[in-house]
Amino acid sequence: MSIGKFVTGFAIGSIVGGLIGVLLAPQSGEETRELLAEKSKNICDKAQDAVSEIQTKADGIVNDMQEKGDELISKLQDVINKQKKSEEA
């Protein structure tokens, strides 16, 4: 079994277990709904934060790659120009 599958199964199991625990807890329906709403909002907020962080990192990586690509193109253009000059001479 791969680690990724284990982590995914563990996460899903934790979520399902938490939901069952909340639903079976000895509290009123209104309290349970409020708790579920609060927990789902927290999960949504954390997910949005994670997506934002991943997007920021991805943007940085893309910018770095673009800069390196531009540098490589510039170096290749220099080599081509030098080759042309040596052929003309």
C-alpha atoms as a PDB file:
ATOM      1  CA  MET A   1       0.000   0.000   0.000  1.00  0.00           C
ATOM      2  CA  SER A   2       1.403   3.386  -0.918  1.00  0.00           C
ATOM      3  CA  ILE A   3       1.811   6.153   1.625  1.00  0.00           C
ATOM      4  CA  GLY A   4      -0.515   8.418  -0.380  1.00  0.00           C
ATOM      5  CA  LYS A   5      -3.343   5.904  -0.242  1.00  0.00           C
ATOM      6  CA  PHE A   6      -2.784   5.397   3.481  1.00  0.00           C
ATOM      7  CA  VAL A   7      -2.852   9.146   4.188  1.00  0.00           C
ATOM      8  CA  THR A   8      -5.968   9.586   2.060  1.00  0.00           C
ATOM      9  CA  GLY A   9      -7.715   6.725   3.847  1.00  0.00           C
ATOM     10  CA  PHE A  10      -6.637   8.064   7.217  1.00  0.00           C
ATOM     11  CA  ALA A  11      -7.957  11.556   6.400  1.00  0.00           C
ATOM     12  CA  ILE A  12     -11.291  10.237   5.139  1.00  0.00           C
ATOM     13  CA  GLY A  13     -11.616   7.943   8.145  1.00  0.00           C
ATOM     14  CA  SER A  14     -10.884  10.828  10.514  1.00  0.00           C
ATOM     15  CA  ILE A  15     -13.517  13.016   8.889  1.00  0.00           C
ATOM     16  CA  VAL A  16     -16.141  10.273   8.919  1.00  0.00           C
ATOM     17  CA  GLY A  17     -15.304   9.373  12.525  1.00  0.00           C
ATOM     18  CA  GLY A  18     -15.539  12.996  13.587  1.00  0.00           C
ATOM     19  CA  LEU A  19     -18.893  13.436  11.908  1.00  0.00           C
ATOM     20  CA  ILE A  20     -20.269  10.271  13.513  1.00  0.00           C
ATOM     21  CA  GLY A  21     -19.001  11.441  16.887  1.00  0.00           C
ATOM     22  CA  VAL A  22     -20.705  14.815  16.494  1.00  0.00           C
ATOM     23  CA  LEU A  23     -23.945  13.278  15.283  1.00  0.00           C
ATOM     24  CA  LEU A  24     -24.081  10.775  18.142  1.00  0.00           C
ATOM     25  CA  ALA A  25     -23.061  13.251  20.854  1.00  0.00           C
ATOM     26  CA  PRO A  26     -25.681  13.939  23.541  1.00  0.00           C
ATOM     27  CA  GLN A  27     -26.687  17.457  22.539  1.00  0.00           C
ATOM     28  CA  SER A  28     -29.697  19.080  20.983  1.00  0.00           C
ATOM     29  CA  GLY A  29     -30.194  19.163  17.238  1.00  0.00           C
ATOM     30  CA  GLU A  30     -29.698  22.920  17.193  1.00  0.00           C
ATOM     31  CA  GLU A  31     -26.382  22.648  19.032  1.00  0.00           C
ATOM     32  CA  THR A  32     -25.278  19.890  16.681  1.00  0.00           C
ATOM     33  CA  ARG A  33     -26.179  21.953  13.612  1.00  0.00           C
ATOM     34  CA  GLU A  34     -24.304  24.955  15.015  1.00  0.00           C
ATOM     35  CA  LEU A  35     -21.277  22.784  15.748  1.00  0.00           C
ATOM     36  CA  LEU A  36     -21.361  21.260  12.264  1.00  0.00           C
ATOM     37  CA  ALA A  37     -21.708  24.710  10.682  1.00  0.00           C
ATOM     38  CA  GLU A  38     -18.772  26.024  12.709  1.00  0.00           C
ATOM     39  CA  LYS A  39     -16.578  23.012  11.919  1.00  0.00           C
ATOM     40  CA  SER A  40     -17.413  23.122   8.204  1.00  0.00           C
ATOM     41  CA  LYS A  41     -16.613  26.859   8.097  1.00  0.00           C
ATOM     42  CA  ASN A  42     -13.267  26.188   9.794  1.00  0.00           C
ATOM     43  CA  ILE A  43     -12.464  23.419   7.325  1.00  0.00           C
ATOM     44  CA  CYS A  44     -13.445  25.655   4.415  1.00  0.00           C
ATOM     45  CA  ASP A  45     -11.262  28.493   5.748  1.00  0.00           C
ATOM     46  CA  LYS A  46      -8.297  26.143   6.173  1.00  0.00           C
ATOM     47  CA  ALA A  47      -8.785  24.793   2.668  1.00  0.00           C
ATOM     48  CA  GLN A  48      -8.887  28.304   1.227  1.00  0.00           C
ATOM     49  CA  ASP A  49      -5.705  29.205   3.143  1.00  0.00           C
ATOM     50  CA  ALA A  50      -3.986  26.089   1.819  1.00  0.00           C
ATOM     51  CA  VAL A  51      -5.071  26.850  -1.753  1.00  0.00           C
ATOM     52  CA  SER A  52      -3.826  30.435  -1.374  1.00  0.00           C
ATOM     53  CA  GLU A  53      -0.472  29.243  -0.064  1.00  0.00           C
ATOM     54  CA  ILE A  54      -0.109  26.699  -2.861  1.00  0.00           C
ATOM     55  CA  GLN A  55      -1.035  29.337  -5.446  1.00  0.00           C
ATOM     56  CA  THR A  56       1.552  31.750  -4.031  1.00  0.00           C
ATOM     57  CA  LYS A  57       4.250  29.075  -4.121  1.00  0.00           C
ATOM     58  CA  ALA A  58       3.255  28.038  -7.639  1.00  0.00           C
ATOM     59  CA  ASP A  59       3.380  31.654  -8.813  1.00  0.00           C
ATOM     60  CA  GLY A  60       6.885  31.983  -7.370  1.00  0.00           C
ATOM     61  CA  ILE A  61       8.037  28.803  -9.093  1.00  0.00           C
ATOM     62  CA  VAL A  62       6.542  29.915 -12.412  1.00  0.00           C
ATOM     63  CA  ASN A  63       8.237  33.316 -12.111  1.00  0.00           C
ATOM     64  CA  ASP A  64      11.585  31.665 -11.324  1.00  0.00           C
ATOM     65  CA  MET A  65      11.219  29.338 -14.291  1.00  0.00           C
ATOM     66  CA  GLN A  66      10.299  32.265 -16.555  1.00  0.00           C
ATOM     67  CA  GLU A  67      13.387  34.205 -15.436  1.00  0.00           C
ATOM     68  CA  LYS A  68      15.643  31.186 -15.989  1.00  0.00           C
ATOM     69  CA  GLY A  69      14.065  30.608 -19.385  1.00  0.00           C
ATOM     70  CA  ASP A  70      14.670  34.238 -20.337  1.00  0.00           C
ATOM     71  CA  GLU A  71      18.301  33.935 -19.202  1.00  0.00           C
ATOM     72  CA  LEU A  72      18.744  30.768 -21.242  1.00  0.00           C
ATOM     73  CA  ILE A  73      17.239  32.379 -24.336  1.00  0.00           C
ATOM     74  CA  SER A  74      19.564  35.354 -23.900  1.00  0.00           C
ATOM     75  CA  LYS A  75      22.616  33.099 -23.564  1.00  0.00           C
ATOM     76  CA  LEU A  76      21.585  31.068 -26.601  1.00  0.00           C
ATOM     77  CA  GLN A  77      21.084  34.245 -28.596  1.00  0.00           C
ATOM     78  CA  ASP A  78      24.589  35.386 -27.600  1.00  0.00           C
ATOM     79  CA  VAL A  79      26.060  32.051 -28.711  1.00  0.00           C
ATOM     80  CA  ILE A  80      24.187  32.262 -32.030  1.00  0.00           C
ATOM     81  CA  ASN A  81      25.375  35.833 -32.596  1.00  0.00           C
ATOM     82  CA  LYS A  82      28.992  34.863 -31.818  1.00  0.00           C
ATOM     83  CA  GLN A  83      28.725  31.921 -34.220  1.00  0.00           C
ATOM     84  CA  LYS A  84      27.375  34.199 -36.962  1.00  0.00           C
ATOM     85  CA  LYS A  85      30.200  36.679 -36.415  1.00  0.00           C
ATOM     86  CA  SER A  86      32.844  33.959 -36.550  1.00  0.00           C
ATOM     87  CA  GLU A  87      31.344  32.598 -39.777  1.00  0.00           C
ATOM     88  CA  GLU A  88      31.329  36.075 -41.355  1.00  0.00           C
ATOM     89  CA  ALA A  89      34.966  36.673 -40.490  1.00  0.00           C
END
